[in-house]
N, C-alpha and C. Protein backbone atom coordinates (compact mmCIF):
# COMPACT_ATOMS: atom_id res chain seq x y z
N UNK A 1 -342.57 -113.78 -121.84
CA UNK A 1 -341.92 -112.48 -121.89
C UNK A 1 -341.67 -112.02 -120.45
N UNK A 2 -340.45 -111.62 -120.15
CA UNK A 2 -340.14 -111.15 -118.81
C UNK A 2 -340.67 -109.73 -118.62
N UNK A 3 -340.79 -109.33 -117.34
CA UNK A 3 -341.33 -108.02 -117.06
C UNK A 3 -340.45 -106.92 -117.64
N UNK A 4 -339.12 -107.14 -117.65
CA UNK A 4 -338.23 -106.10 -118.15
C UNK A 4 -338.44 -105.82 -119.64
N UNK A 5 -338.96 -106.81 -120.36
CA UNK A 5 -339.24 -106.60 -121.78
C UNK A 5 -340.53 -105.83 -121.98
N UNK A 6 -341.34 -105.70 -120.93
CA UNK A 6 -342.61 -105.00 -121.01
C UNK A 6 -342.56 -103.60 -120.41
N UNK A 7 -341.40 -103.20 -119.84
CA UNK A 7 -341.30 -101.94 -119.12
C UNK A 7 -340.13 -101.12 -119.64
N UNK A 8 -340.33 -99.79 -119.69
CA UNK A 8 -339.26 -98.87 -120.06
C UNK A 8 -339.29 -97.68 -119.12
N UNK A 9 -338.11 -97.19 -118.74
CA UNK A 9 -337.99 -96.05 -117.84
C UNK A 9 -337.26 -94.93 -118.59
N UNK A 10 -337.90 -93.76 -118.66
CA UNK A 10 -337.33 -92.61 -119.35
C UNK A 10 -337.12 -91.48 -118.35
N UNK A 11 -336.25 -90.54 -118.70
CA UNK A 11 -335.94 -89.43 -117.82
C UNK A 11 -336.09 -88.10 -118.55
N UNK A 12 -336.60 -87.12 -117.82
CA UNK A 12 -336.54 -85.75 -118.30
C UNK A 12 -335.17 -85.18 -117.93
N UNK A 13 -334.88 -84.01 -118.40
CA UNK A 13 -333.54 -83.45 -118.17
C UNK A 13 -333.32 -83.01 -116.72
N UNK A 14 -334.37 -82.89 -115.92
CA UNK A 14 -334.22 -82.44 -114.53
C UNK A 14 -333.96 -83.58 -113.56
N UNK A 15 -334.02 -84.83 -114.02
CA UNK A 15 -333.90 -85.97 -113.09
C UNK A 15 -333.01 -87.09 -113.63
N UNK A 16 -331.93 -86.74 -114.25
CA UNK A 16 -331.06 -87.76 -114.84
C UNK A 16 -330.45 -88.68 -113.79
N UNK A 17 -329.95 -88.12 -112.70
CA UNK A 17 -329.32 -88.93 -111.65
C UNK A 17 -330.34 -89.82 -110.93
N UNK A 18 -331.53 -89.27 -110.64
CA UNK A 18 -332.58 -90.05 -109.99
C UNK A 18 -332.99 -91.22 -110.88
N UNK A 19 -333.15 -90.97 -112.15
CA UNK A 19 -333.54 -92.03 -113.08
C UNK A 19 -332.46 -93.10 -113.16
N UNK A 20 -331.20 -92.70 -113.16
CA UNK A 20 -330.10 -93.67 -113.18
C UNK A 20 -330.17 -94.56 -111.94
N UNK A 21 -330.43 -93.96 -110.77
CA UNK A 21 -330.55 -94.73 -109.54
C UNK A 21 -331.73 -95.69 -109.57
N UNK A 22 -332.85 -95.24 -110.10
CA UNK A 22 -334.03 -96.11 -110.21
C UNK A 22 -333.74 -97.28 -111.14
N UNK A 23 -333.12 -97.00 -112.27
CA UNK A 23 -332.79 -98.06 -113.24
C UNK A 23 -331.82 -99.06 -112.64
N UNK A 24 -330.82 -98.59 -111.91
CA UNK A 24 -329.86 -99.48 -111.25
C UNK A 24 -330.57 -100.37 -110.24
N UNK A 25 -331.47 -99.78 -109.46
CA UNK A 25 -332.20 -100.53 -108.44
C UNK A 25 -333.12 -101.60 -109.06
N UNK A 26 -333.70 -101.27 -110.21
CA UNK A 26 -334.63 -102.19 -110.88
C UNK A 26 -333.93 -103.10 -111.89
N UNK A 27 -332.60 -102.97 -112.01
CA UNK A 27 -331.82 -103.74 -112.98
C UNK A 27 -332.36 -103.55 -114.40
N UNK A 28 -332.68 -102.32 -114.72
CA UNK A 28 -333.21 -101.95 -116.04
C UNK A 28 -332.27 -100.98 -116.72
N UNK A 29 -332.32 -100.93 -118.02
CA UNK A 29 -331.59 -99.92 -118.76
C UNK A 29 -332.54 -98.75 -119.01
N UNK A 30 -331.99 -97.55 -118.96
CA UNK A 30 -332.81 -96.37 -119.21
C UNK A 30 -333.23 -96.33 -120.66
N UNK A 31 -334.48 -95.94 -120.90
CA UNK A 31 -334.99 -95.83 -122.26
C UNK A 31 -334.27 -94.75 -123.04
N UNK A 32 -334.20 -94.93 -124.34
CA UNK A 32 -333.51 -93.98 -125.22
C UNK A 32 -334.50 -92.92 -125.68
N UNK A 33 -334.25 -91.69 -125.27
CA UNK A 33 -335.07 -90.57 -125.70
C UNK A 33 -334.19 -89.34 -125.81
N UNK A 34 -334.45 -88.55 -126.82
CA UNK A 34 -333.74 -87.30 -127.02
C UNK A 34 -334.61 -86.18 -126.49
N UNK A 35 -334.10 -85.48 -125.49
CA UNK A 35 -334.81 -84.34 -124.90
C UNK A 35 -333.96 -83.11 -125.15
N UNK A 36 -334.47 -82.20 -125.94
CA UNK A 36 -333.69 -81.01 -126.27
C UNK A 36 -334.59 -79.80 -126.46
N UNK A 37 -333.98 -78.75 -126.95
CA UNK A 37 -334.70 -77.50 -127.18
C UNK A 37 -334.39 -76.99 -128.58
N UNK A 38 -335.41 -76.46 -129.21
CA UNK A 38 -335.21 -75.76 -130.48
C UNK A 38 -334.56 -74.41 -130.17
N UNK A 39 -334.09 -73.73 -131.19
CA UNK A 39 -333.42 -72.44 -130.99
C UNK A 39 -334.33 -71.38 -130.38
N UNK A 40 -335.64 -71.53 -130.55
CA UNK A 40 -336.57 -70.56 -129.95
C UNK A 40 -336.99 -70.92 -128.53
N UNK A 41 -336.42 -72.02 -127.97
CA UNK A 41 -336.71 -72.42 -126.60
C UNK A 41 -337.76 -73.50 -126.46
N UNK A 42 -338.44 -73.86 -127.54
CA UNK A 42 -339.46 -74.91 -127.49
C UNK A 42 -338.82 -76.27 -127.20
N UNK A 43 -339.54 -77.12 -126.48
CA UNK A 43 -339.04 -78.45 -126.12
C UNK A 43 -339.18 -79.40 -127.31
N UNK A 44 -338.15 -80.19 -127.55
CA UNK A 44 -338.15 -81.20 -128.62
C UNK A 44 -337.90 -82.56 -127.98
N UNK A 45 -338.81 -83.49 -128.20
CA UNK A 45 -338.71 -84.85 -127.65
C UNK A 45 -338.75 -85.84 -128.80
N UNK A 46 -337.85 -86.83 -128.75
CA UNK A 46 -337.90 -87.92 -129.71
C UNK A 46 -337.57 -89.22 -128.98
N UNK A 47 -338.51 -90.15 -128.98
CA UNK A 47 -338.29 -91.45 -128.35
C UNK A 47 -337.57 -92.33 -129.36
N UNK A 48 -336.43 -92.87 -128.95
CA UNK A 48 -335.55 -93.57 -129.87
C UNK A 48 -335.66 -95.07 -129.87
N UNK A 49 -336.77 -95.62 -129.42
CA UNK A 49 -336.96 -97.07 -129.44
C UNK A 49 -338.44 -97.41 -129.46
N UNK A 50 -338.73 -98.65 -129.73
CA UNK A 50 -340.11 -99.11 -129.82
C UNK A 50 -340.68 -99.31 -128.42
N UNK A 51 -341.76 -98.60 -128.10
CA UNK A 51 -342.41 -98.78 -126.80
C UNK A 51 -343.87 -99.21 -126.96
N UNK A 52 -344.23 -99.65 -128.15
CA UNK A 52 -345.61 -100.08 -128.41
C UNK A 52 -346.00 -101.21 -127.46
N UNK A 53 -347.08 -101.01 -126.71
CA UNK A 53 -347.61 -102.02 -125.82
C UNK A 53 -346.85 -102.20 -124.52
N UNK A 54 -345.92 -101.31 -124.22
CA UNK A 54 -345.11 -101.45 -123.00
C UNK A 54 -345.59 -100.47 -121.92
N UNK A 55 -345.26 -100.81 -120.68
CA UNK A 55 -345.49 -99.89 -119.56
C UNK A 55 -344.33 -98.92 -119.53
N UNK A 56 -344.61 -97.64 -119.58
CA UNK A 56 -343.59 -96.61 -119.63
C UNK A 56 -343.65 -95.78 -118.34
N UNK A 57 -342.49 -95.59 -117.73
CA UNK A 57 -342.34 -94.75 -116.56
C UNK A 57 -341.49 -93.55 -116.96
N UNK A 58 -341.97 -92.35 -116.68
CA UNK A 58 -341.24 -91.12 -117.01
C UNK A 58 -340.94 -90.41 -115.71
N UNK A 59 -339.65 -90.19 -115.46
CA UNK A 59 -339.18 -89.55 -114.23
C UNK A 59 -338.73 -88.14 -114.55
N UNK A 60 -339.28 -87.16 -113.84
CA UNK A 60 -338.83 -85.77 -113.99
C UNK A 60 -339.25 -84.97 -112.78
N UNK A 61 -338.43 -84.02 -112.41
CA UNK A 61 -338.72 -83.16 -111.28
C UNK A 61 -339.48 -81.92 -111.74
N UNK A 62 -340.22 -81.32 -110.82
CA UNK A 62 -340.87 -80.05 -111.13
C UNK A 62 -340.19 -78.93 -110.37
N UNK A 63 -338.89 -79.10 -110.12
CA UNK A 63 -338.13 -78.05 -109.44
C UNK A 63 -337.91 -76.89 -110.41
N UNK A 64 -337.47 -75.74 -109.90
CA UNK A 64 -337.26 -74.58 -110.79
C UNK A 64 -336.26 -74.88 -111.90
N UNK A 65 -336.54 -74.43 -113.09
CA UNK A 65 -337.68 -73.66 -113.57
C UNK A 65 -338.90 -74.57 -113.76
N UNK A 66 -339.90 -74.37 -112.94
CA UNK A 66 -341.07 -75.25 -112.86
C UNK A 66 -341.77 -75.38 -114.21
N UNK A 67 -342.05 -74.28 -114.89
CA UNK A 67 -342.77 -74.31 -116.14
C UNK A 67 -342.04 -75.16 -117.19
N UNK A 68 -340.73 -74.95 -117.32
CA UNK A 68 -339.95 -75.70 -118.31
C UNK A 68 -339.96 -77.19 -118.01
N UNK A 69 -339.74 -77.55 -116.74
CA UNK A 69 -339.69 -78.96 -116.38
C UNK A 69 -341.05 -79.64 -116.49
N UNK A 70 -342.11 -78.93 -116.13
CA UNK A 70 -343.46 -79.49 -116.24
C UNK A 70 -343.85 -79.69 -117.70
N UNK A 71 -343.57 -78.72 -118.55
CA UNK A 71 -343.89 -78.85 -119.97
C UNK A 71 -343.10 -80.00 -120.60
N UNK A 72 -341.84 -80.14 -120.22
CA UNK A 72 -341.03 -81.26 -120.72
C UNK A 72 -341.64 -82.59 -120.32
N UNK A 73 -342.09 -82.70 -119.07
CA UNK A 73 -342.74 -83.91 -118.58
C UNK A 73 -344.01 -84.22 -119.36
N UNK A 74 -344.83 -83.21 -119.59
CA UNK A 74 -346.08 -83.42 -120.32
C UNK A 74 -345.84 -83.78 -121.79
N UNK A 75 -344.84 -83.19 -122.39
CA UNK A 75 -344.53 -83.51 -123.78
C UNK A 75 -343.94 -84.92 -123.89
N UNK A 76 -343.14 -85.33 -122.91
CA UNK A 76 -342.65 -86.72 -122.87
C UNK A 76 -343.82 -87.69 -122.76
N UNK A 77 -344.78 -87.36 -121.91
CA UNK A 77 -345.98 -88.19 -121.75
C UNK A 77 -346.75 -88.28 -123.05
N UNK A 78 -346.94 -87.16 -123.72
CA UNK A 78 -347.64 -87.13 -125.01
C UNK A 78 -346.90 -87.97 -126.05
N UNK A 79 -345.59 -87.85 -126.08
CA UNK A 79 -344.79 -88.63 -127.05
C UNK A 79 -344.93 -90.13 -126.79
N UNK A 80 -344.97 -90.52 -125.52
CA UNK A 80 -345.13 -91.94 -125.19
C UNK A 80 -346.51 -92.45 -125.61
N UNK A 81 -347.54 -91.66 -125.38
CA UNK A 81 -348.89 -92.08 -125.78
C UNK A 81 -349.01 -92.17 -127.30
N UNK A 82 -348.40 -91.24 -128.01
CA UNK A 82 -348.42 -91.26 -129.47
C UNK A 82 -347.62 -92.44 -130.03
N UNK A 83 -346.64 -92.92 -129.25
CA UNK A 83 -345.85 -94.08 -129.67
C UNK A 83 -346.51 -95.39 -129.25
N UNK A 84 -347.77 -95.32 -128.79
CA UNK A 84 -348.61 -96.48 -128.47
C UNK A 84 -348.16 -97.25 -127.24
N UNK A 85 -347.66 -96.55 -126.22
CA UNK A 85 -347.35 -97.20 -124.95
C UNK A 85 -348.66 -97.71 -124.34
N UNK A 86 -348.61 -98.88 -123.70
CA UNK A 86 -349.81 -99.43 -123.08
C UNK A 86 -350.26 -98.57 -121.92
N UNK A 87 -349.31 -98.20 -121.05
CA UNK A 87 -349.59 -97.36 -119.90
C UNK A 87 -348.42 -96.40 -119.71
N UNK A 88 -348.72 -95.22 -119.24
CA UNK A 88 -347.68 -94.22 -118.94
C UNK A 88 -347.87 -93.80 -117.49
N UNK A 89 -346.79 -93.93 -116.71
CA UNK A 89 -346.80 -93.53 -115.31
C UNK A 89 -345.77 -92.42 -115.13
N UNK A 90 -346.21 -91.30 -114.57
CA UNK A 90 -345.30 -90.18 -114.32
C UNK A 90 -344.79 -90.25 -112.90
N UNK A 91 -343.48 -90.14 -112.74
CA UNK A 91 -342.84 -90.18 -111.41
C UNK A 91 -342.28 -88.80 -111.15
N UNK A 92 -342.83 -88.13 -110.14
CA UNK A 92 -342.40 -86.76 -109.81
C UNK A 92 -341.58 -86.77 -108.55
């Protein structure tokens, strides 16, 4: 199994361009995840592919609005752990 089959890179909504650059540099495709908001402002995350047993990297900035971006990052991390990722690395 090649390393690219063991690794996935996801992005929060604050770092889409940075994640694209990282994926291009690593010759990887960005992981499929839906990052949105419910009508009351709550963050909604849905990972759209199998990441069981894979190393997951989540890229997101903590720039303003800091609280929203940080909560999105933490919820993405929680979603990856619940989807049985082997390791989760946060890139800030």
